[in-house]
Amino acid sequence: MADFSLPKGIIKSVTSGMEETEVVILLPEGKELVTVFSNNNFDTLKPEEGRTAYAFVSDGRVMLLTDSGN
């Protein structure tokens, strides 16, 4: 799979489990990107519903970036 960037999206939902957190990002075309990561990473990133997010996908892995929240 080739590397590609996804456009800016909005975090639609955040669902935390015992060890992992699922984040759904609503993209401009109405499509959704779903990513799951460890709760340790969740504590660092602190994604919140309605917040702007950017995703970079490479070989089945997703790097999620959010705005500063200020």
PDB file of N, CA and C in Angstrom:
ATOM      1  N   MET A   1       0.841  -1.174   0.000  1.00  0.00           N
ATOM      2  CA  MET A   1       0.000   0.000   0.000  1.00  0.00           C
ATOM      3  C   MET A   1       0.890   1.241   0.000  1.00  0.00           C
ATOM      4  N   ALA A   2       0.552   2.187  -0.833  1.00  0.00           N
ATOM      5  CA  ALA A   2       1.320   3.422  -0.894  1.00  0.00           C
ATOM      6  C   ALA A   2       0.921   4.345   0.242  1.00  0.00           C
ATOM      7  N   ASP A   3       1.837   5.209   0.611  1.00  0.00           N
ATOM      8  CA  ASP A   3       1.547   6.213   1.638  1.00  0.00           C
ATOM      9  C   ASP A   3       0.641   7.283   1.048  1.00  0.00           C
ATOM     10  N   PHE A   4      -0.280   7.780   1.828  1.00  0.00           N
ATOM     11  CA  PHE A   4      -1.089   8.895   1.380  1.00  0.00           C
ATOM     12  C   PHE A   4      -1.617   9.674   2.568  1.00  0.00           C
ATOM     13  N   SER A   5      -1.887  10.942   2.335  1.00  0.00           N
ATOM     14  CA  SER A   5      -2.449  11.802   3.382  1.00  0.00           C
ATOM     15  C   SER A   5      -3.941  11.920   3.172  1.00  0.00           C
ATOM     16  N   LEU A   6      -4.674  12.024   4.242  1.00  0.00           N
ATOM     17  CA  LEU A   6      -6.103  12.252   4.172  1.00  0.00           C
ATOM     18  C   LEU A   6      -6.372  13.701   4.522  1.00  0.00           C
ATOM     19  N   PRO A   7      -7.432  14.252   3.972  1.00  0.00           N
ATOM     20  CA  PRO A   7      -7.744  15.636   4.289  1.00  0.00           C
ATOM     21  C   PRO A   7      -8.172  15.803   5.741  1.00  0.00           C
ATOM     22  N   LYS A   8      -8.276  17.042   6.132  1.00  0.00           N
ATOM     23  CA  LYS A   8      -8.723  17.384   7.470  1.00  0.00           C
ATOM     24  C   LYS A   8     -10.123  16.824   7.698  1.00  0.00           C
ATOM     25  N   GLY A   9     -10.358  16.288   8.900  1.00  0.00           N
ATOM     26  CA  GLY A   9     -11.669  15.775   9.265  1.00  0.00           C
ATOM     27  C   GLY A   9     -12.049  16.248  10.659  1.00  0.00           C
ATOM     28  N   ILE A  10     -13.198  15.785  11.113  1.00  0.00           N
ATOM     29  CA  ILE A  10     -13.701  16.121  12.441  1.00  0.00           C
ATOM     30  C   ILE A  10     -13.900  14.814  13.208  1.00  0.00           C
ATOM     31  N   ILE A  11     -13.466  14.789  14.457  1.00  0.00           N
ATOM     32  CA  ILE A  11     -13.655  13.589  15.274  1.00  0.00           C
ATOM     33  C   ILE A  11     -15.139  13.449  15.577  1.00  0.00           C
ATOM     34  N   LYS A  12     -15.712  12.360  15.092  1.00  0.00           N
ATOM     35  CA  LYS A  12     -17.141  12.106  15.235  1.00  0.00           C
ATOM     36  C   LYS A  12     -17.459  11.416  16.560  1.00  0.00           C
ATOM     37  N   SER A  13     -16.619  10.443  16.928  1.00  0.00           N
ATOM     38  CA  SER A  13     -16.859   9.740  18.195  1.00  0.00           C
ATOM     39  C   SER A  13     -15.564   9.170  18.746  1.00  0.00           C
ATOM     40  N   VAL A  14     -15.545   9.013  20.064  1.00  0.00           N
ATOM     41  CA  VAL A  14     -14.423   8.412  20.782  1.00  0.00           C
ATOM     42  C   VAL A  14     -15.012   7.392  21.738  1.00  0.00           C
ATOM     43  N   THR A  15     -14.583   6.116  21.598  1.00  0.00           N
ATOM     44  CA  THR A  15     -15.094   5.050  22.452  1.00  0.00           C
ATOM     45  C   THR A  15     -13.919   4.364  23.124  1.00  0.00           C
ATOM     46  N   SER A  16     -13.841   4.494  24.449  1.00  0.00           N
ATOM     47  CA  SER A  16     -12.735   3.899  25.199  1.00  0.00           C
ATOM     48  C   SER A  16     -13.134   2.549  25.772  1.00  0.00           C
ATOM     49  N   GLY A  17     -12.197   1.601  25.665  1.00  0.00           N
ATOM     50  CA  GLY A  17     -12.360   0.291  26.269  1.00  0.00           C
ATOM     51  C   GLY A  17     -11.338   0.107  27.373  1.00  0.00           C
ATOM     52  N   MET A  18     -11.163  -1.136  27.813  1.00  0.00           N
ATOM     53  CA  MET A  18     -10.222  -1.429  28.898  1.00  0.00           C
ATOM     54  C   MET A  18      -8.787  -1.099  28.515  1.00  0.00           C
ATOM     55  N   GLU A  19      -8.384  -1.431  27.273  1.00  0.00           N
ATOM     56  CA  GLU A  19      -6.997  -1.245  26.853  1.00  0.00           C
ATOM     57  C   GLU A  19      -6.837  -0.397  25.600  1.00  0.00           C
ATOM     58  N   GLU A  20      -7.908  -0.227  24.838  1.00  0.00           N
ATOM     59  CA  GLU A  20      -7.830   0.490  23.570  1.00  0.00           C
ATOM     60  C   GLU A  20      -8.948   1.520  23.449  1.00  0.00           C
ATOM     61  N   THR A  21      -8.717   2.489  22.579  1.00  0.00           N
ATOM     62  CA  THR A  21      -9.706   3.521  22.287  1.00  0.00           C
ATOM     63  C   THR A  21      -9.939   3.566  20.785  1.00  0.00           C
ATOM     64  N   GLU A  22     -11.217   3.632  20.375  1.00  0.00           N
ATOM     65  CA  GLU A  22     -11.584   3.747  18.964  1.00  0.00           C
ATOM     66  C   GLU A  22     -11.973   5.192  18.692  1.00  0.00           C
ATOM     67  N   VAL A  23     -11.415   5.744  17.610  1.00  0.00           N
ATOM     68  CA  VAL A  23     -11.738   7.105  17.199  1.00  0.00           C
ATOM     69  C   VAL A  23     -12.283   7.044  15.775  1.00  0.00           C
ATOM     70  N   VAL A  24     -13.448   7.669  15.559  1.00  0.00           N
ATOM     71  CA  VAL A  24     -14.050   7.754  14.230  1.00  0.00           C
ATOM     72  C   VAL A  24     -13.906   9.186  13.754  1.00  0.00           C
ATOM     73  N   ILE A  25     -13.287   9.350  12.575  1.00  0.00           N
ATOM     74  CA  ILE A  25     -13.082  10.674  11.988  1.00  0.00           C
ATOM     75  C   ILE A  25     -14.000  10.807  10.775  1.00  0.00           C
ATOM     76  N   LEU A  26     -14.814  11.859  10.746  1.00  0.00           N
ATOM     77  CA  LEU A  26     -15.691  12.143   9.616  1.00  0.00           C
ATOM     78  C   LEU A  26     -14.918  12.993   8.614  1.00  0.00           C
ATOM     79  N   LEU A  27     -14.756  12.465   7.401  1.00  0.00           N
ATOM     80  CA  LEU A  27     -14.018  13.160   6.351  1.00  0.00           C
ATOM     81  C   LEU A  27     -14.969  14.028   5.531  1.00  0.00           C
ATOM     82  N   PRO A  28     -14.439  14.991   4.779  1.00  0.00           N
ATOM     83  CA  PRO A  28     -15.286  15.933   4.042  1.00  0.00           C
ATOM     84  C   PRO A  28     -16.309  15.289   3.106  1.00  0.00           C
ATOM     85  N   GLU A  29     -15.985  14.171   2.485  1.00  0.00           N
ATOM     86  CA  GLU A  29     -16.899  13.537   1.528  1.00  0.00           C
ATOM     87  C   GLU A  29     -17.972  12.703   2.215  1.00  0.00           C
ATOM     88  N   GLY A  30     -18.011  12.745   3.555  1.00  0.00           N
ATOM     89  CA  GLY A  30     -18.985  11.953   4.292  1.00  0.00           C
ATOM     90  C   GLY A  30     -18.480  10.565   4.647  1.00  0.00           C
ATOM     91  N   LYS A  31     -17.273  10.224   4.207  1.00  0.00           N
ATOM     92  CA  LYS A  31     -16.683   8.936   4.545  1.00  0.00           C
ATOM     93  C   LYS A  31     -16.138   9.000   5.962  1.00  0.00           C
ATOM     94  N   GLU A  32     -15.953   7.816   6.569  1.00  0.00           N
ATOM     95  CA  GLU A  32     -15.414   7.754   7.918  1.00  0.00           C
ATOM     96  C   GLU A  32     -14.117   6.968   7.941  1.00  0.00           C
ATOM     97  N   LEU A  33     -13.187   7.409   8.753  1.00  0.00           N
ATOM     98  CA  LEU A  33     -11.947   6.691   9.011  1.00  0.00           C
ATOM     99  C   LEU A  33     -12.004   6.260  10.467  1.00  0.00           C
ATOM    100  N   VAL A  34     -11.825   4.969  10.717  1.00  0.00           N
ATOM    101  CA  VAL A  34     -11.850   4.442  12.079  1.00  0.00           C
ATOM    102  C   VAL A  34     -10.452   3.959  12.432  1.00  0.00           C
ATOM    103  N   THR A  35      -9.953   4.384  13.579  1.00  0.00           N
ATOM    104  CA  THR A  35      -8.646   3.944  14.044  1.00  0.00           C
ATOM    105  C   THR A  35      -8.749   3.542  15.515  1.00  0.00           C
ATOM    106  N   VAL A  36      -7.955   2.557  15.892  1.00  0.00           N
ATOM    107  CA  VAL A  36      -7.929   2.065  17.275  1.00  0.00           C
ATOM    108  C   VAL A  36      -6.494   2.146  17.765  1.00  0.00           C
ATOM    109  N   PHE A  37      -6.313   2.675  18.971  1.00  0.00           N
ATOM    110  CA  PHE A  37      -4.972   2.742  19.530  1.00  0.00           C
ATOM    111  C   PHE A  37      -5.023   2.521  21.035  1.00  0.00           C
ATOM    112  N   SER A  38      -3.860   2.283  21.622  1.00  0.00           N
ATOM    113  CA  SER A  38      -3.791   1.965  23.052  1.00  0.00           C
ATOM    114  C   SER A  38      -4.218   3.161  23.896  1.00  0.00           C
ATOM    115  N   ASN A  39      -4.707   2.884  25.094  1.00  0.00           N
ATOM    116  CA  ASN A  39      -5.122   3.962  25.985  1.00  0.00           C
ATOM    117  C   ASN A  39      -3.945   4.826  26.433  1.00  0.00           C
ATOM    118  N   ASN A  40      -2.727   4.281  26.435  1.00  0.00           N
ATOM    119  CA  ASN A  40      -1.550   5.102  26.743  1.00  0.00           C
ATOM    120  C   ASN A  40      -1.415   6.225  25.729  1.00  0.00           C
ATOM    121  N   ASN A  41      -1.599   5.898  24.447  1.00  0.00           N
ATOM    122  CA  ASN A  41      -1.535   6.916  23.406  1.00  0.00           C
ATOM    123  C   ASN A  41      -2.721   7.861  23.487  1.00  0.00           C
ATOM    124  N   PHE A  42      -3.884   7.354  23.876  1.00  0.00           N
ATOM    125  CA  PHE A  42      -5.075   8.190  24.037  1.00  0.00           C
ATOM    126  C   PHE A  42      -4.822   9.284  25.071  1.00  0.00           C
ATOM    127  N   ASP A  43      -4.191   8.922  26.178  1.00  0.00           N
ATOM    128  CA  ASP A  43      -3.914   9.884  27.237  1.00  0.00           C
ATOM    129  C   ASP A  43      -3.011  11.014  26.754  1.00  0.00           C
ATOM    130  N   THR A  44      -2.117  10.713  25.799  1.00  0.00           N
ATOM    131  CA  THR A  44      -1.217  11.723  25.244  1.00  0.00           C
ATOM    132  C   THR A  44      -1.945  12.599  24.228  1.00  0.00           C
ATOM    133  N   LEU A  45      -2.724  11.980  23.352  1.00  0.00           N
ATOM    134  CA  LEU A  45      -3.384  12.687  22.254  1.00  0.00           C
ATOM    135  C   LEU A  45      -4.641  13.431  22.701  1.00  0.00           C
ATOM    136  N   LYS A  46      -5.404  12.835  23.597  1.00  0.00           N
ATOM    137  CA  LYS A  46      -6.657  13.414  24.106  1.00  0.00           C
ATOM    138  C   LYS A  46      -7.615  13.854  22.999  1.00  0.00           C
ATOM    139  N   PRO A  47      -7.975  12.943  22.082  1.00  0.00           N
ATOM    140  CA  PRO A  47      -8.928  13.331  21.036  1.00  0.00           C
ATOM    141  C   PRO A  47     -10.310  13.561  21.648  1.00  0.00           C
ATOM    142  N   GLU A  48     -11.008  14.575  21.183  1.00  0.00           N
ATOM    143  CA  GLU A  48     -12.332  14.900  21.685  1.00  0.00           C
ATOM    144  C   GLU A  48     -13.295  15.035  20.510  1.00  0.00           C
ATOM    145  N   GLU A  49     -14.542  14.640  20.712  1.00  0.00           N
ATOM    146  CA  GLU A  49     -15.557  14.786  19.679  1.00  0.00           C
ATOM    147  C   GLU A  49     -15.657  16.244  19.253  1.00  0.00           C
ATOM    148  N   GLY A  50     -15.773  16.456  17.943  1.00  0.00           N
ATOM    149  CA  GLY A  50     -15.894  17.800  17.393  1.00  0.00           C
ATOM    150  C   GLY A  50     -14.575  18.486  17.098  1.00  0.00           C
ATOM    151  N   ARG A  51     -13.473  17.892  17.531  1.00  0.00           N
ATOM    152  CA  ARG A  51     -12.146  18.481  17.339  1.00  0.00           C
ATOM    153  C   ARG A  51     -11.639  18.170  15.926  1.00  0.00           C
ATOM    154  N   THR A  52     -10.879  19.080  15.353  1.00  0.00           N
ATOM    155  CA  THR A  52     -10.270  18.862  14.044  1.00  0.00           C
ATOM    156  C   THR A  52      -9.175  17.809  14.159  1.00  0.00           C
ATOM    157  N   ALA A  53      -9.111  16.918  13.158  1.00  0.00           N
ATOM    158  CA  ALA A  53      -8.098  15.866  13.159  1.00  0.00           C
ATOM    159  C   ALA A  53      -7.557  15.667  11.748  1.00  0.00           C
ATOM    160  N   TYR A  54      -6.323  15.233  11.686  1.00  0.00           N
ATOM    161  CA  TYR A  54      -5.657  14.899  10.432  1.00  0.00           C
ATOM    162  C   TYR A  54      -5.132  13.476  10.568  1.00  0.00           C
ATOM    163  N   ALA A  55      -5.162  12.710   9.479  1.00  0.00           N
ATOM    164  CA  ALA A  55      -4.670  11.336   9.534  1.00  0.00           C
ATOM    165  C   ALA A  55      -3.666  11.109   8.414  1.00  0.00           C
ATOM    166  N   PHE A  56      -2.650  10.340   8.733  1.00  0.00           N
ATOM    167  CA  PHE A  56      -1.679   9.900   7.733  1.00  0.00           C
ATOM    168  C   PHE A  56      -1.675   8.390   7.783  1.00  0.00           C
ATOM    169  N   VAL A  57      -1.960   7.759   6.644  1.00  0.00           N
ATOM    170  CA  VAL A  57      -2.069   6.302   6.581  1.00  0.00           C
ATOM    171  C   VAL A  57      -0.887   5.748   5.809  1.00  0.00           C
ATOM    172  N   SER A  58      -0.240   4.725   6.377  1.00  0.00           N
ATOM    173  CA  SER A  58       0.900   4.086   5.727  1.00  0.00           C
ATOM    174  C   SER A  58       0.920   2.609   6.098  1.00  0.00           C
ATOM    175  N   ASP A  59       0.836   1.752   5.098  1.00  0.00           N
ATOM    176  CA  ASP A  59       0.913   0.308   5.304  1.00  0.00           C
ATOM    177  C   ASP A  59      -0.014  -0.188   6.409  1.00  0.00           C
ATOM    178  N   GLY A  60      -1.242   0.302   6.416  1.00  0.00           N
ATOM    179  CA  GLY A  60      -2.228  -0.149   7.384  1.00  0.00           C
ATOM    180  C   GLY A  60      -2.124   0.478   8.760  1.00  0.00           C
ATOM    181  N   ARG A  61      -1.197   1.386   8.945  1.00  0.00           N
ATOM    182  CA  ARG A  61      -1.055   2.096  10.217  1.00  0.00           C
ATOM    183  C   ARG A  61      -1.541   3.513  10.047  1.00  0.00           C
ATOM    184  N   VAL A  62      -2.096   4.079  11.117  1.00  0.00           N
ATOM    185  CA  VAL A  62      -2.629   5.438  11.057  1.00  0.00           C
ATOM    186  C   VAL A  62      -1.929   6.307  12.098  1.00  0.00           C
ATOM    187  N   MET A  63      -1.437   7.472  11.646  1.00  0.00           N
ATOM    188  CA  MET A  63      -0.922   8.474  12.568  1.00  0.00           C
ATOM    189  C   MET A  63      -2.004   9.547  12.651  1.00  0.00           C
ATOM    190  N   LEU A  64      -2.481   9.816  13.847  1.00  0.00           N
ATOM    191  CA  LEU A  64      -3.551  10.778  14.057  1.00  0.00           C
ATOM    192  C   LEU A  64      -2.986  12.040  14.682  1.00  0.00           C
ATOM    193  N   LEU A  65      -3.303  13.185  14.098  1.00  0.00           N
ATOM    194  CA  LEU A  65      -2.885  14.474  14.613  1.00  0.00           C
ATOM    195  C   LEU A  65      -4.129  15.292  14.914  1.00  0.00           C
ATOM    196  N   THR A  66      -4.128  16.032  16.019  1.00  0.00           N
ATOM    197  CA  THR A  66      -5.261  16.894  16.326  1.00  0.00           C
ATOM    198  C   THR A  66      -4.771  18.316  16.516  1.00  0.00           C
ATOM    199  N   ASP A  67      -5.715  19.264  16.465  1.00  0.00           N
ATOM    200  CA  ASP A  67      -5.349  20.643  16.733  1.00  0.00           C
ATOM    201  C   ASP A  67      -5.010  20.811  18.205  1.00  0.00           C
ATOM    202  N   SER A  68      -4.545  21.969  18.572  1.00  0.00           N
ATOM    203  CA  SER A  68      -4.098  22.188  19.950  1.00  0.00           C
ATOM    204  C   SER A  68      -5.241  22.274  20.941  1.00  0.00           C
ATOM    205  N   GLY A  69      -6.458  22.502  20.455  1.00  0.00           N
ATOM    206  CA  GLY A  69      -7.603  22.587  21.337  1.00  0.00           C
ATOM    207  C   GLY A  69      -7.752  23.934  22.021  1.00  0.00           C
ATOM    208  N   ASN A  70      -6.934  24.899  21.643  1.00  0.00           N
ATOM    209  CA  ASN A  70      -7.002  26.242  22.249  1.00  0.00           C
ATOM    210  C   ASN A  70      -8.104  27.053  21.622  1.00  0.00           C
TER     211      ASN A  70
END
